[in-house]
Amino acid sequence: MRVLVTGGAGFIGSEFVRATLEGRLPGASGASVTVLDKLTYSGNPMNLAPVADHPGFRFVRGDTCDPHLVDEVVAGHDVIVHFAAETHVDRSIVSAAQFVKTNVVGTQVLLEAADRHRVGRFVHVSTDEVYGSIDTGSWTEETPLDPNVPYAAAKAGSDLIVQAFHRTRGLDVVITRCTNNYGHYQYPEKVIPLFVTNLLDGRRVPLYGDGRNVRDWLHVSDHCRAIQLVLDGGRAGEVYHIGGGTELTNNELTGRLLDACGADWSVVDHVPDRLGHDRRYSLDITKIRAELGYTPRVRLEDGLAATVDWYRANRAWWEPLSSPAAVAEAA
């Protein structure tokens, strides 16, 4: 099987590539992988270093919005797993244009190429944020989309385009929507690596609002295992939810990270809440469990401990990304 992975140098995409080529995803045995990645600030070639010399690995630097390049790269592949996206909520609130371009137009360009070359399956990796916020209960795959911030709106737009290509052109597409991911190789602007790297350096951490916003946490390895299940056995045209099964308030998450790093609440700065900050996300994962046998394997306690240990042992990876120059470049 020849797999094209867009955004494969990012956090989740690189885990999928490593797991595929290292034989950790049984359904992907013997697969070759091409990574297409623009290498923006959050795409890092070091994320792919463990498999860079694998005979089944190929890297192409480029933009999913470039139709000529995309057409060349897509040709000859059996499946596409589409991770490439702008994902940082705060950045989308400040300036939404790049989010619309990458998330919506980039997806459309890929779909056009997949249709021309009759790619066997297109897995579109999306997010729970397309639903907005939910006070009680959990969203099902039939819940209407109701995004509240530009990032989520751009992802919702890309989801709708993916579904339209299935309905109008018969393209074999599957959409996954996941909860908040964590794990190794996550860019330090996201809450868990931001807090961990700050705490390891003896710096302070910022906590939005009252800290009562609720998220479900999913280890990146569980996410990628679920994506492979969907790639292998998901029904064409369907949406599948992927969750971790552990909801925490941001206060509870902060407390766990403080304990793991040997710090206390005196280093926490309570900062003004994010604009349009969704109060709670929660996905019902009954469908993927019943149809494909998915269940999360990594307990949050174990996953957080392993994540903190990884950042503690891999300063050479994250320190350059946290330098003033790197932060200014990414802004």
Protein backbone atom coordinates (compact mmCIF):
# COMPACT_ATOMS: atom_id res chain seq x y z
CA MET A 1 0.00 0.00 0.00
CA ARG A 2 1.29 3.46 -0.95
CA VAL A 3 0.19 6.07 1.58
CA LEU A 4 0.39 9.85 1.14
CA VAL A 5 0.40 11.70 4.47
CA THR A 6 -0.10 15.45 4.33
CA GLY A 7 1.23 17.42 7.28
CA GLY A 8 3.38 14.43 8.15
CA ALA A 9 6.08 16.51 9.84
CA GLY A 10 3.63 17.85 12.40
CA PHE A 11 2.74 16.43 15.79
CA ILE A 12 0.00 13.91 14.95
CA GLY A 13 1.02 13.30 11.35
CA SER A 14 4.58 12.40 12.27
CA GLU A 15 3.36 9.93 14.89
CA PHE A 16 1.22 8.27 12.23
CA VAL A 17 4.21 8.08 9.87
CA ARG A 18 6.55 6.69 12.52
CA ALA A 19 3.97 4.17 13.72
CA THR A 20 3.30 3.03 10.16
CA LEU A 21 6.93 2.53 9.18
CA GLU A 22 7.97 1.09 12.55
CA GLY A 23 5.29 -1.60 12.31
CA ARG A 24 3.16 -0.37 15.22
CA LEU A 25 -0.02 -0.27 13.11
CA PRO A 26 -0.83 -3.83 12.06
CA GLY A 27 -3.10 -2.79 9.23
CA ALA A 28 -0.25 -0.82 7.62
CA SER A 29 2.25 -3.67 7.43
CA GLY A 30 4.57 -3.24 4.46
CA ALA A 31 3.22 0.19 3.53
CA SER A 32 5.37 2.88 1.97
CA VAL A 33 4.81 6.49 3.02
CA THR A 34 5.21 9.79 1.22
CA VAL A 35 5.03 12.88 3.42
CA LEU A 36 3.92 16.18 1.91
CA ASP A 37 4.59 19.04 4.30
CA LYS A 38 5.13 22.77 3.86
CA LEU A 39 7.35 22.88 6.98
CA THR A 40 5.74 25.92 8.53
CA TYR A 41 6.78 26.76 12.08
CA SER A 42 5.06 23.67 13.55
CA GLY A 43 6.33 21.21 10.94
CA ASN A 44 9.67 19.84 12.03
CA PRO A 45 11.94 17.44 10.07
CA MET A 46 13.31 16.21 13.41
CA ASN A 47 9.91 14.62 14.04
CA LEU A 48 10.65 12.24 11.16
CA ALA A 49 14.29 11.55 11.99
CA PRO A 50 13.56 8.08 13.45
CA VAL A 51 12.29 6.88 10.04
CA ALA A 52 14.22 9.14 7.67
CA ASP A 53 16.39 6.26 6.45
CA HIS A 54 13.54 3.78 6.07
CA PRO A 55 13.45 2.43 2.49
CA GLY A 56 9.70 3.03 2.33
CA PHE A 57 9.90 6.70 3.30
CA ARG A 58 9.86 9.71 0.97
CA PHE A 59 9.60 13.39 1.88
CA VAL A 60 8.30 16.18 -0.35
CA ARG A 61 8.37 19.77 0.84
CA GLY A 62 5.40 21.66 -0.51
CA ASP A 63 2.05 23.33 0.00
CA THR A 64 -1.29 21.53 -0.29
CA CYS A 65 -2.60 24.71 -1.95
CA ASP A 66 -0.23 24.22 -4.91
CA PRO A 67 -2.34 22.30 -7.48
CA HIS A 68 0.55 21.39 -9.79
CA LEU A 69 2.71 19.96 -7.02
CA VAL A 70 -0.21 18.19 -5.39
CA ASP A 71 -1.18 16.58 -8.69
CA GLU A 72 2.35 15.23 -9.15
CA VAL A 73 2.59 13.94 -5.58
CA VAL A 74 -0.85 12.31 -5.40
CA ALA A 75 -0.29 10.26 -8.56
CA GLY A 76 0.54 6.65 -7.78
CA HIS A 77 -0.78 6.59 -4.20
CA ASP A 78 -3.45 4.21 -2.97
CA VAL A 79 -4.69 6.27 -0.01
CA ILE A 80 -4.33 9.77 1.42
CA VAL A 81 -4.36 10.59 5.13
CA HIS A 82 -4.87 14.34 5.37
CA PHE A 83 -3.48 15.95 8.54
CA ALA A 84 -2.17 19.21 7.05
CA ALA A 85 -3.91 22.16 8.70
CA GLU A 86 -3.43 25.36 10.62
CA THR A 87 -4.63 24.45 14.11
CA HIS A 88 -3.83 27.09 16.73
CA VAL A 89 -7.02 28.77 17.92
CA ASP A 90 -5.41 31.97 19.22
CA ARG A 91 -3.61 32.56 15.91
CA SER A 92 -6.87 32.10 14.00
CA ILE A 93 -8.58 34.75 16.13
CA VAL A 94 -5.83 37.27 15.36
CA SER A 95 -5.70 36.46 11.64
CA ALA A 96 -7.99 33.95 9.95
CA ALA A 97 -6.85 34.19 6.33
CA GLN A 98 -4.17 31.49 6.44
CA PHE A 99 -6.53 29.14 8.25
CA VAL A 100 -9.14 29.45 5.52
CA LYS A 101 -6.53 29.05 2.79
CA THR A 102 -4.76 26.01 4.23
CA ASN A 103 -7.71 24.22 5.81
CA VAL A 104 -10.35 24.84 3.15
CA VAL A 105 -8.53 25.52 -0.13
CA GLY A 106 -5.73 23.03 0.61
CA THR A 107 -8.30 20.31 1.24
CA GLN A 108 -10.16 21.15 -1.97
CA VAL A 109 -6.93 20.95 -4.01
CA LEU A 110 -6.15 17.53 -2.55
CA LEU A 111 -9.66 16.24 -3.20
CA GLU A 112 -9.50 17.34 -6.84
CA ALA A 113 -6.22 15.46 -7.28
CA ALA A 114 -7.51 12.41 -5.43
CA ASP A 115 -10.52 12.33 -7.74
CA ARG A 116 -8.43 12.69 -10.91
CA HIS A 117 -6.06 9.90 -9.88
CA ARG A 118 -8.83 7.71 -8.39
CA VAL A 119 -7.16 7.35 -5.03
CA GLY A 120 -8.67 4.41 -3.17
CA ARG A 121 -9.45 6.19 0.10
CA PHE A 122 -9.17 9.72 1.50
CA VAL A 123 -9.11 9.99 5.31
CA HIS A 124 -9.72 13.56 6.47
CA VAL A 125 -8.53 14.25 10.03
CA SER A 126 -10.75 16.83 11.71
CA THR A 127 -11.59 17.99 15.23
CA ASP A 128 -14.32 18.08 17.85
CA GLU A 129 -14.13 21.89 17.76
CA VAL A 130 -16.37 21.97 14.67
CA TYR A 131 -19.35 21.35 16.98
CA GLY A 132 -18.85 24.43 19.16
CA SER A 133 -19.51 23.85 22.87
CA ILE A 134 -21.71 21.43 24.81
CA ASP A 135 -22.81 21.84 28.43
CA THR A 136 -23.92 18.27 29.12
CA GLY A 137 -23.85 14.95 27.32
CA SER A 138 -21.75 14.20 24.23
CA TRP A 139 -21.96 14.91 20.53
CA THR A 140 -22.74 12.12 18.09
CA GLU A 141 -21.58 12.05 14.48
CA GLU A 142 -25.02 13.39 13.44
CA THR A 143 -24.76 16.56 15.54
CA PRO A 144 -24.95 19.73 13.37
CA LEU A 145 -21.72 21.71 13.04
CA ASP A 146 -21.67 24.97 15.02
CA PRO A 147 -18.08 26.31 15.23
CA ASN A 148 -17.32 29.38 17.35
CA VAL A 149 -13.79 30.41 16.30
CA PRO A 150 -12.15 30.87 12.88
CA TYR A 151 -9.97 27.74 13.21
CA ALA A 152 -12.99 25.55 13.92
CA ALA A 153 -15.01 27.22 11.17
CA ALA A 154 -12.25 26.54 8.64
CA LYS A 155 -12.10 22.90 9.70
CA ALA A 156 -15.88 22.63 9.46
CA GLY A 157 -15.67 24.05 5.94
CA SER A 158 -13.11 21.44 4.97
CA ASP A 159 -15.31 18.67 6.42
CA LEU A 160 -18.23 19.80 4.27
CA ILE A 161 -16.11 19.90 1.11
CA VAL A 162 -14.89 16.36 1.83
CA GLN A 163 -18.48 15.12 2.21
CA ALA A 164 -19.51 16.94 -0.98
CA PHE A 165 -16.82 15.13 -3.01
CA HIS A 166 -18.18 11.83 -1.77
CA ARG A 167 -21.76 12.71 -2.66
CA THR A 168 -21.11 14.33 -6.05
CA ARG A 169 -18.09 12.43 -7.36
CA GLY A 170 -18.25 9.16 -5.48
CA LEU A 171 -14.83 9.65 -3.88
CA ASP A 172 -14.15 7.18 -1.06
CA VAL A 173 -13.75 9.55 1.89
CA VAL A 174 -13.91 9.09 5.65
CA ILE A 175 -13.80 11.90 8.24
CA THR A 176 -12.42 11.50 11.74
CA ARG A 177 -13.05 14.01 14.53
CA CYS A 178 -10.86 13.76 17.60
CA THR A 179 -10.60 15.27 21.05
CA ASN A 180 -7.52 17.09 22.41
CA ASN A 181 -4.30 15.22 21.65
CA TYR A 182 -1.15 15.09 23.75
CA GLY A 183 2.15 13.24 23.67
CA HIS A 184 5.74 13.55 22.48
CA TYR A 185 6.81 15.83 19.60
CA GLN A 186 3.93 18.28 20.20
CA TYR A 187 4.86 21.87 19.34
CA PRO A 188 5.28 23.91 22.54
CA GLU A 189 2.51 26.43 21.81
CA LYS A 190 -0.12 23.85 22.84
CA VAL A 191 -1.17 23.77 26.47
CA ILE A 192 0.50 20.57 27.73
CA PRO A 193 3.95 21.05 26.14
CA LEU A 194 3.80 24.80 26.88
CA PHE A 195 3.16 24.17 30.55
CA VAL A 196 5.66 21.31 30.79
CA THR A 197 8.52 23.13 29.07
CA ASN A 198 7.89 26.31 31.06
CA LEU A 199 7.81 24.37 34.33
CA LEU A 200 10.96 22.41 33.48
CA ASP A 201 12.71 25.76 32.94
CA GLY A 202 11.36 27.23 36.18
CA ARG A 203 9.08 29.66 34.34
CA ARG A 204 5.48 30.61 34.98
CA VAL A 205 2.44 29.22 33.16
CA PRO A 206 -0.71 31.04 31.92
CA LEU A 207 -4.15 29.68 32.76
CA TYR A 208 -7.12 31.08 30.81
CA GLY A 209 -10.11 32.51 32.67
CA ASP A 210 -11.48 30.55 35.61
CA GLY A 211 -9.83 27.30 34.47
CA ARG A 212 -13.14 25.43 34.34
CA ASN A 213 -13.17 24.74 30.60
CA VAL A 214 -13.42 20.98 30.03
CA ARG A 215 -11.55 18.89 27.46
CA ASP A 216 -11.26 15.16 26.80
CA TRP A 217 -7.62 14.07 26.44
CA LEU A 218 -6.45 11.57 23.84
CA HIS A 219 -2.93 10.18 23.60
CA VAL A 220 -1.53 10.64 20.09
CA SER A 221 -0.74 6.93 19.74
CA ASP A 222 -4.38 6.00 20.42
CA HIS A 223 -5.47 8.59 17.86
CA CYS A 224 -3.22 7.16 15.15
CA ARG A 225 -4.28 3.60 15.92
CA ALA A 226 -7.90 4.69 15.48
CA ILE A 227 -7.09 6.41 12.18
CA GLN A 228 -5.61 3.16 10.89
CA LEU A 229 -8.77 1.30 11.93
CA VAL A 230 -10.83 3.84 9.98
CA LEU A 231 -8.48 3.62 7.01
CA ASP A 232 -8.84 -0.16 6.96
CA GLY A 233 -12.49 -0.65 7.82
CA GLY A 234 -14.43 2.61 8.01
CA ARG A 235 -17.47 3.00 5.81
CA ALA A 236 -17.12 5.40 2.88
CA GLY A 237 -18.78 8.76 3.44
CA GLU A 238 -18.99 8.31 7.20
CA VAL A 239 -17.74 10.35 10.17
CA TYR A 240 -16.07 8.63 13.13
CA HIS A 241 -15.38 10.16 16.54
CA ILE A 242 -12.08 9.39 18.30
CA GLY A 243 -11.84 10.15 22.01
CA GLY A 244 -9.59 9.42 24.95
CA GLY A 245 -12.23 8.87 27.61
CA THR A 246 -10.83 11.27 30.22
CA GLU A 247 -12.42 14.68 30.68
CA LEU A 248 -10.62 17.24 32.84
CA THR A 249 -11.12 20.90 33.61
CA ASN A 250 -8.11 23.03 32.77
CA ASN A 251 -7.66 23.50 36.51
CA GLU A 252 -7.44 19.74 36.98
CA LEU A 253 -5.01 19.38 34.08
CA THR A 254 -2.85 22.19 35.44
CA GLY A 255 -2.72 20.53 38.86
CA ARG A 256 -1.55 17.26 37.34
CA LEU A 257 1.17 18.98 35.32
CA LEU A 258 2.35 20.97 38.35
CA ASP A 259 2.64 17.74 40.35
CA ALA A 260 4.48 15.96 37.52
CA CYS A 261 7.02 18.77 37.23
CA GLY A 262 7.50 19.34 40.97
CA ALA A 263 5.89 22.80 41.02
CA ASP A 264 2.94 24.41 42.83
CA TRP A 265 0.15 26.88 42.12
CA SER A 266 2.33 29.88 42.96
CA VAL A 267 3.77 29.74 39.41
CA VAL A 268 0.36 29.94 37.70
CA ASP A 269 -0.76 33.24 36.19
CA HIS A 270 -4.50 33.61 35.70
CA VAL A 271 -4.88 35.46 32.41
CA PRO A 272 -7.95 36.89 30.60
CA ASP A 273 -10.03 34.25 28.87
CA ARG A 274 -9.63 33.52 25.17
CA LEU A 275 -12.19 35.13 22.88
CA GLY A 276 -14.95 32.67 21.98
CA HIS A 277 -13.48 30.09 24.37
CA ASP A 278 -15.66 26.96 24.15
CA ARG A 279 -16.65 25.75 27.62
CA ARG A 280 -16.72 22.00 27.07
CA TYR A 281 -16.09 19.42 24.35
CA SER A 282 -17.27 15.82 24.54
CA LEU A 283 -17.49 13.16 21.83
CA ASP A 284 -19.60 10.01 21.88
CA ILE A 285 -17.32 7.24 20.55
CA THR A 286 -19.97 4.49 20.46
CA LYS A 287 -19.85 4.25 16.67
CA ILE A 288 -16.11 3.60 16.23
CA ARG A 289 -16.14 1.22 19.18
CA ALA A 290 -19.04 -0.81 17.82
CA GLU A 291 -18.00 -0.85 14.16
CA LEU A 292 -14.20 -0.96 14.34
CA GLY A 293 -13.38 -2.17 17.85
CA TYR A 294 -11.60 0.99 18.96
CA THR A 295 -11.02 1.74 22.60
CA PRO A 296 -8.32 4.02 24.04
CA ARG A 297 -5.44 2.08 25.58
CA VAL A 298 -3.24 4.78 27.16
CA ARG A 299 -4.45 5.87 30.59
CA LEU A 300 -4.08 9.62 31.11
CA GLU A 301 -1.93 9.09 34.21
CA ASP A 302 0.54 6.96 32.27
CA GLY A 303 0.44 9.10 29.14
CA LEU A 304 1.07 12.37 30.99
CA ALA A 305 3.94 10.85 32.95
CA ALA A 306 5.54 9.53 29.76
CA THR A 307 5.02 12.88 28.03
CA VAL A 308 6.69 14.84 30.84
CA ASP A 309 9.56 12.36 30.86
CA TRP A 310 9.97 12.78 27.08
CA TYR A 311 10.20 16.56 27.26
CA ARG A 312 12.58 16.30 30.19
CA ALA A 313 14.85 13.99 28.16
CA ASN A 314 14.56 15.84 24.84
CA ARG A 315 15.56 19.43 25.48
CA ALA A 316 17.51 19.42 22.21
CA TRP A 317 14.19 19.06 20.41
CA TRP A 318 12.09 21.70 22.17
CA GLU A 319 14.54 24.35 23.41
CA PRO A 320 15.19 25.77 19.89
CA LEU A 321 11.41 25.99 19.36
CA SER A 322 10.95 27.95 22.59
CA SER A 323 13.74 30.49 21.98
CA PRO A 324 12.71 34.16 21.54
CA ALA A 325 13.81 34.04 17.88
CA ALA A 326 11.72 30.93 17.15
CA VAL A 327 8.67 32.40 18.88
CA ALA A 328 9.02 35.64 16.89
CA GLU A 329 9.32 33.68 13.61
CA ALA A 330 6.20 31.66 14.39
CA ALA A 331 4.11 34.71 15.36
